[in-house]
Structure formats: C-alpha cells, structure tokens
C-alpha cells in the first residue's frame, strides 16, 4: 500500500497505534536468540503554546467546606508542613508507544514513530529531540520514522545529524532513519553508522535496517507493516 498524504491527519491515531503492533509482530520472530521485543509507553507532558487539543487537562480540587475535610477521591493525608502548595487532577496524560528491544536486561534498540504533537511547537521539538539524542548518547540504537510533513522545513533527521556532527544530505519528511551506535574509539568518540530512507507519497515504503549490535540487525519491512496497519484502519 503506497504511503498516504498525511497533510490531513484525521486517521493518524488509528494507524499510529496499529503500526507499532505490526512492527512488533514483524520483529519478534526475526530477532536472534536472547533478544526480547516489547511495546512500552513513556508519558510526556507538553509545555508551550496552547493548541486546539490540549495535551494535559487539569482541574483544581473543590475547596473543602471545613478545615480538615478532604475530597472523597483523594487518598492520604500529609502533615501540615508537608502538604503541596497546589493540588490538581490530571485528566489525561498523552503517552507515546515505542518498540523496545533488549538483551540480557539491557536496552539495545528502539523504534520511535513521530506524531503531530512531537513537533507541533518549538518546545515539543526540543523535548523529543532530547529524547532521541538520549538514546544515542546512552548507546541505544534508534530507528526513527516520520511520515508527517508538518511543519514544513523541519526534520528530526537533519536536527539529529547537526547535533551529533553527522554530515549527510538533507532528509526532509517523510523519511525513516536508523542509527547504530558502535564501540568507543579511544580519544575520538564512538563509531557511528546511519541508514537514510527518504519516502515519497504515493510510493511503497522502503525496507530499513534496525541495528542491534555492530554484527546483528533486523531488516524491517516498513511497507508490509504500514500496509497492514492502514488496512486495519480502513484506509484504502
């Protein structure tokens, strides 16, 4: 199934969730012995300019009628000197699902797919850029997939390359990029490898490498996994 034009993202949430499940189904049987793949979530609270749909909805506790009265939903009572200055209910915290691969209890690789809220404002872009770079700095291999064109002129692939000093041609969205963090080089940093797969709306998606180590990797068929997710989301 060719890549859709995601200038309109009404159906993105469904494809986004289904795609991570399809990626998991693809990768698990292809992992070498001793590796484990699973989907996990990392809660994120976004701070910045308001959007049409808030990332976090907050409301205050109702004021108690008498000193010492507590709302029935609240559990626990702290001594006077330890009570918070403000207490709120967080109705919704957006969670990002990522695919993690571990070996021997160590995280070795991650697949992240970019959502609109990951880059809809400067603060969001900074938060998620820091997250992606943290994987690499910690020696975790990363496959990053971004099929969403907005905002035009911004690319996580280009920003990551600039931050780590990687010389590469511009990589505008849509794209998939994969990074392998290798062994340290005494006095010179670490070996580093990258795979770039630009995408085109209306064309099949590419296959890209998910590195596990410098000697082990899994070929990820983005077309097959995306097609299954889009089909299940009732996209033609």
C-alpha atoms as a PDB file:
ATOM      1  CA  UNK A   1       0.000   0.000   0.000  1.00  0.00           C
ATOM      2  CA  UNK A   2       1.587   3.316  -1.056  1.00  0.00           C
ATOM      3  CA  UNK A   3       2.307   5.979   1.553  1.00  0.00           C
ATOM      4  CA  UNK A   4      -0.695   8.227   2.195  1.00  0.00           C
ATOM      5  CA  UNK A   5      -0.552  12.003   2.118  1.00  0.00           C
ATOM      6  CA  UNK A   6      -0.561  12.859   5.809  1.00  0.00           C
ATOM      7  CA  UNK A   7      -1.140  16.574   5.353  1.00  0.00           C
ATOM      8  CA  UNK A   8      -4.521  15.610   6.811  1.00  0.00           C
ATOM      9  CA  UNK A   9      -4.118  13.563   9.990  1.00  0.00           C
ATOM     10  CA  UNK A  10      -7.714  12.703  10.930  1.00  0.00           C
ATOM     11  CA  UNK A  11      -6.996   8.964  10.753  1.00  0.00           C
ATOM     12  CA  UNK A  12      -3.425   9.120  12.047  1.00  0.00           C
ATOM     13  CA  UNK A  13      -4.127   7.968  15.614  1.00  0.00           C
ATOM     14  CA  UNK A  14      -5.545   4.658  14.427  1.00  0.00           C
ATOM     15  CA  UNK A  15      -2.691   3.968  12.011  1.00  0.00           C
ATOM     16  CA  UNK A  16      -0.160   5.105  14.605  1.00  0.00           C
ATOM     17  CA  UNK A  17      -1.338   2.572  17.194  1.00  0.00           C
ATOM     18  CA  UNK A  18      -1.801  -0.279  14.730  1.00  0.00           C
ATOM     19  CA  UNK A  19       1.566   0.295  13.068  1.00  0.00           C
ATOM     20  CA  UNK A  20       3.529  -0.219  16.284  1.00  0.00           C
ATOM     21  CA  UNK A  21       1.701  -3.522  16.796  1.00  0.00           C
ATOM     22  CA  UNK A  22       2.544  -4.615  13.242  1.00  0.00           C
ATOM     23  CA  UNK A  23       6.187  -3.650  13.755  1.00  0.00           C
ATOM     24  CA  UNK A  24       6.271  -5.764  16.900  1.00  0.00           C
ATOM     25  CA  UNK A  25       4.776  -8.750  15.059  1.00  0.00           C
ATOM     26  CA  UNK A  26       7.338  -8.329  12.291  1.00  0.00           C
ATOM     27  CA  UNK A  27      10.387  -8.001  14.510  1.00  0.00           C
ATOM     28  CA  UNK A  28       9.779 -10.575  17.260  1.00  0.00           C
ATOM     29  CA  UNK A  29      10.200 -13.739  15.162  1.00  0.00           C
ATOM     30  CA  UNK A  30      13.248 -12.274  13.391  1.00  0.00           C
ATOM     31  CA  UNK A  31      15.276 -11.427  16.479  1.00  0.00           C
ATOM     32  CA  UNK A  32      18.360 -13.510  17.242  1.00  0.00           C
ATOM     33  CA  UNK A  33      18.184 -15.801  20.254  1.00  0.00           C
ATOM     34  CA  UNK A  34      18.327 -13.977  23.568  1.00  0.00           C
ATOM     35  CA  UNK A  35      16.641 -10.776  22.387  1.00  0.00           C
ATOM     36  CA  UNK A  36      13.200  -9.616  23.519  1.00  0.00           C
ATOM     37  CA  UNK A  37      10.919  -7.035  21.884  1.00  0.00           C
ATOM     38  CA  UNK A  38       8.017  -5.273  23.561  1.00  0.00           C
ATOM     39  CA  UNK A  39       5.917  -2.131  23.286  1.00  0.00           C
ATOM     40  CA  UNK A  40       6.240   0.383  26.105  1.00  0.00           C
ATOM     41  CA  UNK A  41       4.987   3.880  26.779  1.00  0.00           C
ATOM     42  CA  UNK A  42       6.710   6.990  28.011  1.00  0.00           C
ATOM     43  CA  UNK A  43       4.330   9.625  29.456  1.00  0.00           C
ATOM     44  CA  UNK A  44       5.069  13.149  28.294  1.00  0.00           C
ATOM     45  CA  UNK A  45       3.618  16.449  29.473  1.00  0.00           C
ATOM     46  CA  UNK A  46       3.911  19.134  26.820  1.00  0.00           C
ATOM     47  CA  UNK A  47       4.628  22.721  27.825  1.00  0.00           C
ATOM     48  CA  UNK A  48       4.241  25.589  25.411  1.00  0.00           C
ATOM     49  CA  UNK A  49       1.701  27.483  23.384  1.00  0.00           C
ATOM     50  CA  UNK A  50      -1.865  26.172  23.576  1.00  0.00           C
ATOM     51  CA  UNK A  51      -3.151  24.023  20.723  1.00  0.00           C
ATOM     52  CA  UNK A  52      -6.624  23.120  19.567  1.00  0.00           C
ATOM     53  CA  UNK A  53      -6.395  19.960  21.649  1.00  0.00           C
ATOM     54  CA  UNK A  54      -4.613  20.284  24.953  1.00  0.00           C
ATOM     55  CA  UNK A  55      -2.038  17.624  25.839  1.00  0.00           C
ATOM     56  CA  UNK A  56      -2.971  17.781  29.518  1.00  0.00           C
ATOM     57  CA  UNK A  57      -6.296  18.796  31.033  1.00  0.00           C
ATOM     58  CA  UNK A  58      -6.197  19.990  34.629  1.00  0.00           C
ATOM     59  CA  UNK A  59      -8.826  20.984  37.143  1.00  0.00           C
ATOM     60  CA  UNK A  60      -8.449  22.028  40.775  1.00  0.00           C
ATOM     61  CA  UNK A  61      -9.825  20.155  43.765  1.00  0.00           C
ATOM     62  CA  UNK A  62     -13.080  21.641  45.090  1.00  0.00           C
ATOM     63  CA  UNK A  63     -12.387  23.760  48.150  1.00  0.00           C
ATOM     64  CA  UNK A  64     -13.228  21.903  51.374  1.00  0.00           C
ATOM     65  CA  UNK A  65     -16.253  23.160  53.286  1.00  0.00           C
ATOM     66  CA  UNK A  66     -14.489  22.817  56.655  1.00  0.00           C
ATOM     67  CA  UNK A  67     -10.823  22.687  57.707  1.00  0.00           C
ATOM     68  CA  UNK A  68      -9.593  19.108  57.501  1.00  0.00           C
ATOM     69  CA  UNK A  69     -12.296  17.961  55.053  1.00  0.00           C
ATOM     70  CA  UNK A  70     -10.880  16.066  52.075  1.00  0.00           C
ATOM     71  CA  UNK A  71     -12.477  15.280  48.715  1.00  0.00           C
ATOM     72  CA  UNK A  72     -13.675  11.688  48.663  1.00  0.00           C
ATOM     73  CA  UNK A  73     -11.496  10.813  45.622  1.00  0.00           C
ATOM     74  CA  UNK A  74      -8.258  11.848  47.333  1.00  0.00           C
ATOM     75  CA  UNK A  75      -6.305   9.250  49.286  1.00  0.00           C
ATOM     76  CA  UNK A  76      -3.880  10.019  52.096  1.00  0.00           C
ATOM     77  CA  UNK A  77      -3.309  12.979  54.400  1.00  0.00           C
ATOM     78  CA  UNK A  78       0.063  14.646  54.813  1.00  0.00           C
ATOM     79  CA  UNK A  79       1.091  16.644  57.881  1.00  0.00           C
ATOM     80  CA  UNK A  80       0.612  20.391  57.610  1.00  0.00           C
ATOM     81  CA  UNK A  81       4.268  21.139  56.820  1.00  0.00           C
ATOM     82  CA  UNK A  82       4.450  18.552  54.023  1.00  0.00           C
ATOM     83  CA  UNK A  83       1.311  19.447  52.080  1.00  0.00           C
ATOM     84  CA  UNK A  84       1.781  20.680  48.494  1.00  0.00           C
ATOM     85  CA  UNK A  85       1.279  24.314  47.560  1.00  0.00           C
ATOM     86  CA  UNK A  86      -1.162  23.305  44.834  1.00  0.00           C
ATOM     87  CA  UNK A  87      -3.021  20.084  44.084  1.00  0.00           C
ATOM     88  CA  UNK A  88      -4.755  19.252  40.801  1.00  0.00           C
ATOM     89  CA  UNK A  89      -6.330  16.377  38.908  1.00  0.00           C
ATOM     90  CA  UNK A  90      -4.597  15.460  35.653  1.00  0.00           C
ATOM     91  CA  UNK A  91      -7.376  14.103  33.452  1.00  0.00           C
ATOM     92  CA  UNK A  92      -5.211  12.988  30.543  1.00  0.00           C
ATOM     93  CA  UNK A  93      -1.500  12.451  30.041  1.00  0.00           C
ATOM     94  CA  UNK A  94      -0.565  11.666  26.476  1.00  0.00           C
ATOM     95  CA  UNK A  95       1.576   8.529  26.215  1.00  0.00           C
ATOM     96  CA  UNK A  96       3.876   7.642  23.365  1.00  0.00           C
ATOM     97  CA  UNK A  97       4.165   3.990  22.430  1.00  0.00           C
ATOM     98  CA  UNK A  98       7.595   2.878  21.254  1.00  0.00           C
ATOM     99  CA  UNK A  99       9.019  -0.519  20.415  1.00  0.00           C
ATOM    100  CA  UNK A 100      11.916  -1.565  22.629  1.00  0.00           C
ATOM    101  CA  UNK A 101      14.415  -4.389  22.087  1.00  0.00           C
ATOM    102  CA  UNK A 102      16.501  -5.637  24.986  1.00  0.00           C
ATOM    103  CA  UNK A 103      19.163  -8.272  25.514  1.00  0.00           C
ATOM    104  CA  UNK A 104      20.315  -9.552  28.876  1.00  0.00           C
ATOM    105  CA  UNK A 105      18.274  -6.892  30.636  1.00  0.00           C
ATOM    106  CA  UNK A 106      19.876  -4.057  28.629  1.00  0.00           C
ATOM    107  CA  UNK A 107      18.007  -1.833  26.187  1.00  0.00           C
ATOM    108  CA  UNK A 108      19.759  -2.159  22.814  1.00  0.00           C
ATOM    109  CA  UNK A 109      17.365  -0.676  20.241  1.00  0.00           C
ATOM    110  CA  UNK A 110      14.224   1.447  19.959  1.00  0.00           C
ATOM    111  CA  UNK A 111      11.734   2.178  17.193  1.00  0.00           C
ATOM    112  CA  UNK A 112      10.013   5.557  17.516  1.00  0.00           C
ATOM    113  CA  UNK A 113       7.326   6.949  15.176  1.00  0.00           C
ATOM    114  CA  UNK A 114       6.803  10.700  15.137  1.00  0.00           C
ATOM    115  CA  UNK A 115       3.308  12.011  15.921  1.00  0.00           C
ATOM    116  CA  UNK A 116       1.937  15.519  15.306  1.00  0.00           C
ATOM    117  CA  UNK A 117       2.324  16.501  18.960  1.00  0.00           C
ATOM    118  CA  UNK A 118       6.027  15.528  18.866  1.00  0.00           C
ATOM    119  CA  UNK A 119       6.824  18.511  16.662  1.00  0.00           C
ATOM    120  CA  UNK A 120       3.812  20.841  16.626  1.00  0.00           C
ATOM    121  CA  UNK A 121       5.655  23.614  18.529  1.00  0.00           C
ATOM    122  CA  UNK A 122       9.262  24.527  19.397  1.00  0.00           C
ATOM    123  CA  UNK A 123       9.003  23.184  22.956  1.00  0.00           C
ATOM    124  CA  UNK A 124       7.720  19.829  21.707  1.00  0.00           C
ATOM    125  CA  UNK A 125      10.507  19.552  19.161  1.00  0.00           C
ATOM    126  CA  UNK A 126      13.075  20.284  21.859  1.00  0.00           C
ATOM    127  CA  UNK A 127      11.593  17.681  24.238  1.00  0.00           C
ATOM    128  CA  UNK A 128      11.572  14.906  21.653  1.00  0.00           C
ATOM    129  CA  UNK A 129      14.928  15.810  20.149  1.00  0.00           C
ATOM    130  CA  UNK A 130      16.396  15.466  23.639  1.00  0.00           C
ATOM    131  CA  UNK A 131      14.688  12.078  23.981  1.00  0.00           C
ATOM    132  CA  UNK A 132      16.032  10.752  20.677  1.00  0.00           C
ATOM    133  CA  UNK A 133      19.546  12.020  21.369  1.00  0.00           C
ATOM    134  CA  UNK A 134      19.465  10.451  24.844  1.00  0.00           C
ATOM    135  CA  UNK A 135      19.062   7.022  23.262  1.00  0.00           C
ATOM    136  CA  UNK A 136      22.166   7.557  21.132  1.00  0.00           C
ATOM    137  CA  UNK A 137      24.218   9.049  23.947  1.00  0.00           C
ATOM    138  CA  UNK A 138      23.359   6.005  26.062  1.00  0.00           C
ATOM    139  CA  UNK A 139      24.491   3.631  23.317  1.00  0.00           C
ATOM    140  CA  UNK A 140      20.966   2.592  22.253  1.00  0.00           C
ATOM    141  CA  UNK A 141      20.374   2.081  18.526  1.00  0.00           C
ATOM    142  CA  UNK A 142      17.434   4.056  17.136  1.00  0.00           C
ATOM    143  CA  UNK A 143      15.047   3.705  14.197  1.00  0.00           C
ATOM    144  CA  UNK A 144      13.023   6.886  13.749  1.00  0.00           C
ATOM    145  CA  UNK A 145      10.047   7.012  11.356  1.00  0.00           C
ATOM    146  CA  UNK A 146       8.346  10.279  10.364  1.00  0.00           C
ATOM    147  CA  UNK A 147       5.709  10.275   7.618  1.00  0.00           C
ATOM    148  CA  UNK A 148       4.072  13.565   8.661  1.00  0.00           C
ATOM    149  CA  UNK A 149       5.095  16.610   6.560  1.00  0.00           C
ATOM    150  CA  UNK A 150       4.187  19.369   9.027  1.00  0.00           C
ATOM    151  CA  UNK A 151       5.826  21.623   9.995  1.00  0.00           C
ATOM    152  CA  UNK A 152       7.377  22.181   6.589  1.00  0.00           C
ATOM    153  CA  UNK A 153      11.091  22.785   6.701  1.00  0.00           C
ATOM    154  CA  UNK A 154      11.653  20.879   9.936  1.00  0.00           C
ATOM    155  CA  UNK A 155      13.261  17.445  10.063  1.00  0.00           C
ATOM    156  CA  UNK A 156      14.285  15.480  13.150  1.00  0.00           C
ATOM    157  CA  UNK A 157      16.786  13.625  10.944  1.00  0.00           C
ATOM    158  CA  UNK A 158      18.512  16.877   9.984  1.00  0.00           C
ATOM    159  CA  UNK A 159      18.429  18.192  13.542  1.00  0.00           C
ATOM    160  CA  UNK A 160      19.891  14.979  14.977  1.00  0.00           C
ATOM    161  CA  UNK A 161      22.617  14.990  12.324  1.00  0.00           C
ATOM    162  CA  UNK A 162      23.542  18.575  13.214  1.00  0.00           C
ATOM    163  CA  UNK A 163      23.603  17.804  16.942  1.00  0.00           C
ATOM    164  CA  UNK A 164      25.937  14.812  16.640  1.00  0.00           C
ATOM    165  CA  UNK A 165      28.077  16.254  13.848  1.00  0.00           C
ATOM    166  CA  UNK A 166      26.964  13.767  11.201  1.00  0.00           C
ATOM    167  CA  UNK A 167      27.436  15.010   7.648  1.00  0.00           C
ATOM    168  CA  UNK A 168      24.586  13.864   5.431  1.00  0.00           C
ATOM    169  CA  UNK A 169      22.380  15.290   2.664  1.00  0.00           C
ATOM    170  CA  UNK A 170      19.142  16.958   3.821  1.00  0.00           C
ATOM    171  CA  UNK A 171      16.453  14.465   4.838  1.00  0.00           C
ATOM    172  CA  UNK A 172      13.029  16.136   4.686  1.00  0.00           C
ATOM    173  CA  UNK A 173       9.888  14.341   5.796  1.00  0.00           C
ATOM    174  CA  UNK A 174       8.627  11.782   5.075  1.00  0.00           C
ATOM    175  CA  UNK A 175      11.581   9.548   5.969  1.00  0.00           C
ATOM    176  CA  UNK A 176      12.910   6.685   8.040  1.00  0.00           C
ATOM    177  CA  UNK A 177      16.383   6.920   9.538  1.00  0.00           C
ATOM    178  CA  UNK A 178      18.258   4.328  11.540  1.00  0.00           C
ATOM    179  CA  UNK A 179      21.265   4.952  13.773  1.00  0.00           C
ATOM    180  CA  UNK A 180      23.784   2.415  15.074  1.00  0.00           C
ATOM    181  CA  UNK A 181      25.994   3.345  17.991  1.00  0.00           C
ATOM    182  CA  UNK A 182      29.186   1.295  17.903  1.00  0.00           C
ATOM    183  CA  UNK A 183      32.194   0.774  20.103  1.00  0.00           C
ATOM    184  CA  UNK A 184      34.085   3.668  21.707  1.00  0.00           C
ATOM    185  CA  UNK A 185      37.200   4.884  19.912  1.00  0.00           C
ATOM    186  CA  UNK A 186      39.885   5.932  22.442  1.00  0.00           C
ATOM    187  CA  UNK A 187      40.176   9.695  22.393  1.00  0.00           C
ATOM    188  CA  UNK A 188      37.903  10.056  19.381  1.00  0.00           C
ATOM    189  CA  UNK A 189      34.348   9.265  20.484  1.00  0.00           C
ATOM    190  CA  UNK A 190      32.449   6.275  19.100  1.00  0.00           C
ATOM    191  CA  UNK A 191      31.831   4.537  15.809  1.00  0.00           C
ATOM    192  CA  UNK A 192      28.506   5.640  14.392  1.00  0.00           C
ATOM    193  CA  UNK A 193      26.504   4.435  11.398  1.00  0.00           C
ATOM    194  CA  UNK A 194      23.293   5.663   9.819  1.00  0.00           C
ATOM    195  CA  UNK A 195      20.783   4.451   7.238  1.00  0.00           C
ATOM    196  CA  UNK A 196      18.608   7.028   5.445  1.00  0.00           C
ATOM    197  CA  UNK A 197      15.438   6.065   3.602  1.00  0.00           C
ATOM    198  CA  UNK A 198      13.536   9.019   2.114  1.00  0.00           C
ATOM    199  CA  UNK A 199       9.895   8.297   1.310  1.00  0.00           C
ATOM    200  CA  UNK A 200       7.511   9.612  -1.328  1.00  0.00           C
ATOM    201  CA  UNK A 201       3.741  10.000  -1.036  1.00  0.00           C
ATOM    202  CA  UNK A 202       2.021   7.505  -3.329  1.00  0.00           C
ATOM    203  CA  UNK A 203       5.038   5.174  -3.429  1.00  0.00           C
ATOM    204  CA  UNK A 204       5.721   1.983  -1.444  1.00  0.00           C
ATOM    205  CA  UNK A 205       7.645   2.362   1.796  1.00  0.00           C
ATOM    206  CA  UNK A 206      11.230   1.088   1.975  1.00  0.00           C
ATOM    207  CA  UNK A 207      12.891  -1.643   3.993  1.00  0.00           C
ATOM    208  CA  UNK A 208      15.376  -0.362   6.579  1.00  0.00           C
ATOM    209  CA  UNK A 209      17.873  -1.870   8.996  1.00  0.00           C
ATOM    210  CA  UNK A 210      17.238  -1.954  12.735  1.00  0.00           C
ATOM    211  CA  UNK A 211      20.722  -2.456  14.214  1.00  0.00           C
ATOM    212  CA  UNK A 212      21.051  -4.481  17.405  1.00  0.00           C
ATOM    213  CA  UNK A 213      24.856  -4.574  17.583  1.00  0.00           C
ATOM    214  CA  UNK A 214      27.622  -3.932  15.061  1.00  0.00           C
ATOM    215  CA  UNK A 215      27.207  -7.553  13.949  1.00  0.00           C
ATOM    216  CA  UNK A 216      23.469  -8.169  14.349  1.00  0.00           C
ATOM    217  CA  UNK A 217      20.477  -6.440  12.807  1.00  0.00           C
ATOM    218  CA  UNK A 218      16.910  -6.969  11.627  1.00  0.00           C
ATOM    219  CA  UNK A 219      15.595  -5.835   8.233  1.00  0.00           C
ATOM    220  CA  UNK A 220      12.303  -4.022   8.893  1.00  0.00           C
ATOM    221  CA  UNK A 221       9.795  -4.038   6.038  1.00  0.00           C
ATOM    222  CA  UNK A 222       8.037  -0.711   6.530  1.00  0.00           C
ATOM    223  CA  UNK A 223       5.774  -1.309   3.524  1.00  0.00           C
ATOM    224  CA  UNK A 224       4.372  -4.606   4.819  1.00  0.00           C
ATOM    225  CA  UNK A 225       3.830  -3.330   8.348  1.00  0.00           C
ATOM    226  CA  UNK A 226       2.354   0.003   7.237  1.00  0.00           C
ATOM    227  CA  UNK A 227       0.029  -1.697   4.744  1.00  0.00           C
ATOM    228  CA  UNK A 228      -1.343  -3.997   7.449  1.00  0.00           C
ATOM    229  CA  UNK A 229      -1.890  -1.087   9.830  1.00  0.00           C
ATOM    230  CA  UNK A 230      -3.545   1.102   7.185  1.00  0.00           C
ATOM    231  CA  UNK A 231      -5.779  -1.758   6.078  1.00  0.00           C
ATOM    232  CA  UNK A 232      -6.925  -2.429   9.630  1.00  0.00           C
ATOM    233  CA  UNK A 233      -7.628   1.313   9.994  1.00  0.00           C
ATOM    234  CA  UNK A 234      -9.871   1.122   6.906  1.00  0.00           C
ATOM    235  CA  UNK A 235      -7.627   3.270   4.733  1.00  0.00           C
ATOM    236  CA  UNK A 236      -7.603   2.390   1.023  1.00  0.00           C
END
